[in-house]
Amino acid sequence: MANDLRLRVPTAADGMAVHELIAACPPLDTNSAYCNLVQCSHFAATSVVAEADGEVAGFISGHRIPERPDTLFVWQVAVGESGRGRGLAGRMLDAIVDRPGNEWIQHMETTITEDNAASWKLFESFAGRRCATLERAVWFDRNRHFKGSHDSEIRARIGPLSRPVLRAVGR
């Protein structure tokens, strides 16, 4: 991956590139291109694009949970082939939480299938960096919610989140 990696707020113009990135990241569930356009526009403040050499190399979509307004729900994490194994997903999570205007985020939630070791490692590491606990509970059950067509989704709830301490240079 190039050295000019930039983490930024997505725009609607990123929608199709995000859609193509997610399609290239099995086993992620693909959504419609329209859904990705809405994520990049309506939920831009709670999402992030990683751009390298002018291309979308990573994307995280998230939104504020209406019933728990201090909680960010992370919908999907996608990292292209060139960005894997380099800590990009963790950097993208940090970028959303540390972005000015997102100080309201005190908890993070997501759902992960039990066998998705990479995602569990990502969110456990994030919880560790934020000195937060990670609680697990079945959220969407394989039989009850998916009629047996999808593995159960386990909710990971992380929080409360600590913020990094910024040190003044030269002091």
C-alpha atoms as a PDB file:
ATOM      1  CA  MET A   1       0.000   0.000   0.000  1.00  0.00           C
ATOM      2  CA  ALA A   2       1.229   3.462  -0.824  1.00  0.00           C
ATOM      3  CA  ASN A   3       2.651   5.838   1.749  1.00  0.00           C
ATOM      4  CA  ASP A   4       0.086   8.494   0.825  1.00  0.00           C
ATOM      5  CA  LEU A   5      -2.743   6.788   2.701  1.00  0.00           C
ATOM      6  CA  ARG A   6      -5.380   9.289   3.735  1.00  0.00           C
ATOM      7  CA  LEU A   7      -8.303   8.698   6.086  1.00  0.00           C
ATOM      8  CA  ARG A   8     -11.201  11.012   5.331  1.00  0.00           C
ATOM      9  CA  VAL A   9     -14.932  11.581   5.509  1.00  0.00           C
ATOM     10  CA  PRO A  10     -16.669   9.822   2.600  1.00  0.00           C
ATOM     11  CA  THR A  11     -18.755  11.649   0.013  1.00  0.00           C
ATOM     12  CA  ALA A  12     -21.494  10.446  -2.335  1.00  0.00           C
ATOM     13  CA  ALA A  13     -18.855  10.350  -5.092  1.00  0.00           C
ATOM     14  CA  ASP A  14     -17.233   7.438  -3.199  1.00  0.00           C
ATOM     15  CA  GLY A  15     -20.397   5.300  -3.257  1.00  0.00           C
ATOM     16  CA  MET A  16     -19.621   3.139  -6.277  1.00  0.00           C
ATOM     17  CA  ALA A  17     -15.973   2.616  -5.296  1.00  0.00           C
ATOM     18  CA  VAL A  18     -17.145   1.541  -1.834  1.00  0.00           C
ATOM     19  CA  HIS A  19     -19.666  -0.811  -3.433  1.00  0.00           C
ATOM     20  CA  GLU A  20     -16.913  -2.382  -5.549  1.00  0.00           C
ATOM     21  CA  LEU A  21     -14.551  -2.634  -2.552  1.00  0.00           C
ATOM     22  CA  ILE A  22     -17.152  -4.478  -0.464  1.00  0.00           C
ATOM     23  CA  ALA A  23     -17.877  -6.856  -3.351  1.00  0.00           C
ATOM     24  CA  ALA A  24     -14.139  -7.645  -3.482  1.00  0.00           C
ATOM     25  CA  CYS A  25     -14.039  -8.474   0.251  1.00  0.00           C
ATOM     26  CA  PRO A  26     -15.820 -11.779   0.767  1.00  0.00           C
ATOM     27  CA  PRO A  27     -17.397 -12.912   2.993  1.00  0.00           C
ATOM     28  CA  LEU A  28     -18.833  -9.411   3.538  1.00  0.00           C
ATOM     29  CA  ASP A  29     -22.497  -9.136   2.662  1.00  0.00           C
ATOM     30  CA  THR A  30     -22.982  -6.810  -0.290  1.00  0.00           C
ATOM     31  CA  ASN A  31     -25.639  -4.133  -0.198  1.00  0.00           C
ATOM     32  CA  SER A  32     -27.105  -2.255  -3.126  1.00  0.00           C
ATOM     33  CA  ALA A  33     -25.016   0.488  -4.701  1.00  0.00           C
ATOM     34  CA  TYR A  34     -27.746   2.874  -3.581  1.00  0.00           C
ATOM     35  CA  CYS A  35     -27.267   1.769   0.034  1.00  0.00           C
ATOM     36  CA  ASN A  36     -23.545   2.522  -0.224  1.00  0.00           C
ATOM     37  CA  LEU A  37     -24.317   5.945  -1.722  1.00  0.00           C
ATOM     38  CA  VAL A  38     -26.596   6.711   1.237  1.00  0.00           C
ATOM     39  CA  GLN A  39     -23.941   5.501   3.685  1.00  0.00           C
ATOM     40  CA  CYS A  40     -21.364   7.792   2.075  1.00  0.00           C
ATOM     41  CA  SER A  41     -23.668  10.794   2.207  1.00  0.00           C
ATOM     42  CA  HIS A  42     -26.219  10.529   5.040  1.00  0.00           C
ATOM     43  CA  PHE A  43     -23.829   8.725   7.419  1.00  0.00           C
ATOM     44  CA  ALA A  44     -20.564  10.372   6.344  1.00  0.00           C
ATOM     45  CA  ALA A  45     -19.819  11.794   9.815  1.00  0.00           C
ATOM     46  CA  THR A  46     -19.863   8.283  11.282  1.00  0.00           C
ATOM     47  CA  SER A  47     -18.063   6.547   8.417  1.00  0.00           C
ATOM     48  CA  VAL A  48     -14.557   6.702   6.978  1.00  0.00           C
ATOM     49  CA  VAL A  49     -12.788   6.104   3.669  1.00  0.00           C
ATOM     50  CA  ALA A  50      -9.140   5.098   3.444  1.00  0.00           C
ATOM     51  CA  GLU A  51      -7.712   6.379   0.188  1.00  0.00           C
ATOM     52  CA  ALA A  52      -4.379   5.314  -1.321  1.00  0.00           C
ATOM     53  CA  ASP A  53      -3.119   6.524  -4.679  1.00  0.00           C
ATOM     54  CA  GLY A  54      -6.536   8.049  -5.381  1.00  0.00           C
ATOM     55  CA  GLU A  55      -8.312   4.708  -4.869  1.00  0.00           C
ATOM     56  CA  VAL A  56     -10.614   3.575  -2.053  1.00  0.00           C
ATOM     57  CA  ALA A  57      -8.551   1.033  -0.095  1.00  0.00           C
ATOM     58  CA  GLY A  58     -10.811   0.765   2.963  1.00  0.00           C
ATOM     59  CA  PHE A  59     -14.206   1.795   4.272  1.00  0.00           C
ATOM     60  CA  ILE A  60     -16.122   1.633   7.519  1.00  0.00           C
ATOM     61  CA  SER A  61     -19.804   2.464   7.652  1.00  0.00           C
ATOM     62  CA  GLY A  62     -21.440   3.379  10.913  1.00  0.00           C
ATOM     63  CA  HIS A  63     -24.383   5.250  12.339  1.00  0.00           C
ATOM     64  CA  ARG A  64     -25.695   6.624  15.610  1.00  0.00           C
ATOM     65  CA  ILE A  65     -28.228   4.343  17.296  1.00  0.00           C
ATOM     66  CA  PRO A  66     -31.376   6.471  17.799  1.00  0.00           C
ATOM     67  CA  GLU A  67     -32.396   4.760  21.067  1.00  0.00           C
ATOM     68  CA  ARG A  68     -28.843   5.031  22.451  1.00  0.00           C
ATOM     69  CA  PRO A  69     -27.521   8.346  21.090  1.00  0.00           C
ATOM     70  CA  ASP A  70     -24.107   7.899  22.736  1.00  0.00           C
ATOM     71  CA  THR A  71     -23.521   4.682  20.743  1.00  0.00           C
ATOM     72  CA  LEU A  72     -21.934   4.261  17.325  1.00  0.00           C
ATOM     73  CA  PHE A  73     -23.038   1.138  15.473  1.00  0.00           C
ATOM     74  CA  VAL A  74     -20.364  -0.090  13.056  1.00  0.00           C
ATOM     75  CA  TRP A  75     -22.196  -1.706  10.169  1.00  0.00           C
ATOM     76  CA  GLN A  76     -19.354  -2.899   7.983  1.00  0.00           C
ATOM     77  CA  VAL A  77     -15.567  -2.868   7.848  1.00  0.00           C
ATOM     78  CA  ALA A  78     -13.953  -3.415   4.450  1.00  0.00           C
ATOM     79  CA  VAL A  79     -10.214  -3.413   3.776  1.00  0.00           C
ATOM     80  CA  GLY A  80      -8.911  -4.116   0.287  1.00  0.00           C
ATOM     81  CA  GLU A  81      -6.198  -6.672  -0.369  1.00  0.00           C
ATOM     82  CA  SER A  82      -3.368  -4.119  -0.308  1.00  0.00           C
ATOM     83  CA  GLY A  83      -4.357  -2.824   3.129  1.00  0.00           C
ATOM     84  CA  ARG A  84      -4.742  -6.101   4.985  1.00  0.00           C
ATOM     85  CA  GLY A  85      -2.447  -6.986   7.859  1.00  0.00           C
ATOM     86  CA  ARG A  86      -1.285  -3.386   8.329  1.00  0.00           C
ATOM     87  CA  GLY A  87      -3.623  -2.180  11.059  1.00  0.00           C
ATOM     88  CA  LEU A  88      -5.723  -0.142   8.641  1.00  0.00           C
ATOM     89  CA  ALA A  89      -9.083  -1.232  10.063  1.00  0.00           C
ATOM     90  CA  GLY A  90      -8.047  -0.204  13.574  1.00  0.00           C
ATOM     91  CA  ARG A  91      -6.793   3.142  12.321  1.00  0.00           C
ATOM     92  CA  MET A  92     -10.125   3.712  10.565  1.00  0.00           C
ATOM     93  CA  LEU A  93     -12.092   2.943  13.763  1.00  0.00           C
ATOM     94  CA  ASP A  94      -9.905   5.395  15.681  1.00  0.00           C
ATOM     95  CA  ALA A  95     -10.366   8.023  12.953  1.00  0.00           C
ATOM     96  CA  ILE A  96     -14.154   7.930  13.324  1.00  0.00           C
ATOM     97  CA  VAL A  97     -14.160   8.067  17.125  1.00  0.00           C
ATOM     98  CA  ASP A  98     -11.470  10.768  17.310  1.00  0.00           C
ATOM     99  CA  ARG A  99     -12.973  12.966  14.569  1.00  0.00           C
ATOM    100  CA  PRO A 100     -14.033  16.418  15.779  1.00  0.00           C
ATOM    101  CA  GLY A 101     -17.789  16.406  16.226  1.00  0.00           C
ATOM    102  CA  ASN A 102     -17.932  12.760  17.338  1.00  0.00           C
ATOM    103  CA  GLU A 103     -17.247  13.396  21.024  1.00  0.00           C
ATOM    104  CA  TRP A 104     -20.742  12.020  21.704  1.00  0.00           C
ATOM    105  CA  ILE A 105     -19.466   8.479  21.001  1.00  0.00           C
ATOM    106  CA  GLN A 106     -19.137   6.772  24.381  1.00  0.00           C
ATOM    107  CA  HIS A 107     -19.879   3.217  23.221  1.00  0.00           C
ATOM    108  CA  MET A 108     -19.410   1.243  20.036  1.00  0.00           C
ATOM    109  CA  GLU A 109     -21.485  -1.715  18.906  1.00  0.00           C
ATOM    110  CA  THR A 110     -21.221  -4.084  15.989  1.00  0.00           C
ATOM    111  CA  THR A 111     -22.285  -7.617  15.173  1.00  0.00           C
ATOM    112  CA  ILE A 112     -19.865 -10.378  14.237  1.00  0.00           C
ATOM    113  CA  THR A 113     -20.334 -14.055  13.458  1.00  0.00           C
ATOM    114  CA  GLU A 114     -18.662 -16.312  16.009  1.00  0.00           C
ATOM    115  CA  ASP A 115     -16.131 -17.693  13.519  1.00  0.00           C
ATOM    116  CA  ASN A 116     -14.895 -14.302  12.222  1.00  0.00           C
ATOM    117  CA  ALA A 117     -11.572 -14.293  14.072  1.00  0.00           C
ATOM    118  CA  ALA A 118     -10.203 -11.234  12.242  1.00  0.00           C
ATOM    119  CA  SER A 119     -13.172  -9.067  13.246  1.00  0.00           C
ATOM    120  CA  TRP A 120     -13.070 -10.259  16.853  1.00  0.00           C
ATOM    121  CA  LYS A 121      -9.351  -9.431  16.981  1.00  0.00           C
ATOM    122  CA  LEU A 122     -10.012  -5.960  15.506  1.00  0.00           C
ATOM    123  CA  PHE A 123     -12.706  -5.031  18.028  1.00  0.00           C
ATOM    124  CA  GLU A 124     -10.897  -6.617  21.001  1.00  0.00           C
ATOM    125  CA  SER A 125      -7.814  -4.582  20.087  1.00  0.00           C
ATOM    126  CA  PHE A 126      -9.909  -1.415  19.770  1.00  0.00           C
ATOM    127  CA  ALA A 127     -11.443  -2.052  23.206  1.00  0.00           C
ATOM    128  CA  GLY A 128      -7.956  -2.507  24.641  1.00  0.00           C
ATOM    129  CA  ARG A 129      -6.680   0.758  23.144  1.00  0.00           C
ATOM    130  CA  ARG A 130      -9.700   2.551  24.611  1.00  0.00           C
ATOM    131  CA  CYS A 131      -9.416   0.895  28.057  1.00  0.00           C
ATOM    132  CA  ALA A 132     -12.988  -0.350  27.571  1.00  0.00           C
ATOM    133  CA  THR A 133     -14.801  -3.593  28.175  1.00  0.00           C
ATOM    134  CA  LEU A 134     -16.200  -5.710  25.351  1.00  0.00           C
ATOM    135  CA  GLU A 135     -19.423  -7.559  26.085  1.00  0.00           C
ATOM    136  CA  ARG A 136     -20.789 -10.306  23.811  1.00  0.00           C
ATOM    137  CA  ALA A 137     -24.387 -11.481  23.365  1.00  0.00           C
ATOM    138  CA  VAL A 138     -26.350 -13.105  20.544  1.00  0.00           C
ATOM    139  CA  TRP A 139     -28.144 -10.293  18.716  1.00  0.00           C
ATOM    140  CA  PHE A 140     -29.590 -11.933  15.598  1.00  0.00           C
ATOM    141  CA  ASP A 141     -30.091 -15.675  15.951  1.00  0.00           C
ATOM    142  CA  ARG A 142     -29.439 -18.025  13.028  1.00  0.00           C
ATOM    143  CA  ASN A 143     -32.826 -19.744  13.297  1.00  0.00           C
ATOM    144  CA  ARG A 144     -35.036 -17.091  14.835  1.00  0.00           C
ATOM    145  CA  HIS A 145     -33.947 -14.176  12.649  1.00  0.00           C
ATOM    146  CA  PHE A 146     -32.279 -15.714   9.579  1.00  0.00           C
ATOM    147  CA  LYS A 147     -34.406 -18.879   9.164  1.00  0.00           C
ATOM    148  CA  GLY A 148     -31.177 -20.885   9.124  1.00  0.00           C
ATOM    149  CA  SER A 149     -29.722 -19.052   6.107  1.00  0.00           C
ATOM    150  CA  HIS A 150     -27.008 -17.078   7.970  1.00  0.00           C
ATOM    151  CA  ASP A 151     -24.875 -17.674  11.050  1.00  0.00           C
ATOM    152  CA  SER A 152     -25.936 -15.957  14.257  1.00  0.00           C
ATOM    153  CA  GLU A 153     -24.653 -12.428  14.652  1.00  0.00           C
ATOM    154  CA  ILE A 154     -23.078 -11.755  18.041  1.00  0.00           C
ATOM    155  CA  ARG A 155     -23.318  -8.195  19.317  1.00  0.00           C
ATOM    156  CA  ALA A 156     -20.050  -6.744  20.565  1.00  0.00           C
ATOM    157  CA  ARG A 157     -20.650  -3.730  22.827  1.00  0.00           C
ATOM    158  CA  ILE A 158     -17.556  -1.741  23.739  1.00  0.00           C
ATOM    159  CA  GLY A 159     -17.416   1.031  26.288  1.00  0.00           C
ATOM    160  CA  PRO A 160     -17.276   3.392  27.860  1.00  0.00           C
ATOM    161  CA  LEU A 161     -14.554   4.652  25.531  1.00  0.00           C
ATOM    162  CA  SER A 162     -11.549   6.620  26.721  1.00  0.00           C
ATOM    163  CA  ARG A 163     -10.011   9.290  24.508  1.00  0.00           C
ATOM    164  CA  PRO A 164      -6.303   9.448  23.758  1.00  0.00           C
ATOM    165  CA  VAL A 165      -4.364  12.052  25.706  1.00  0.00           C
ATOM    166  CA  LEU A 166      -2.845  14.611  23.375  1.00  0.00           C
ATOM    167  CA  ARG A 167       0.536  15.860  24.558  1.00  0.00           C
ATOM    168  CA  ALA A 168       1.785  19.331  23.732  1.00  0.00           C
ATOM    169  CA  VAL A 169       4.945  19.347  21.622  1.00  0.00           C
ATOM    170  CA  GLY A 170       7.978  20.856  23.326  1.00  0.00           C
ATOM    171  CA  ARG A 171       6.676  20.678  26.886  1.00  0.00           C
END
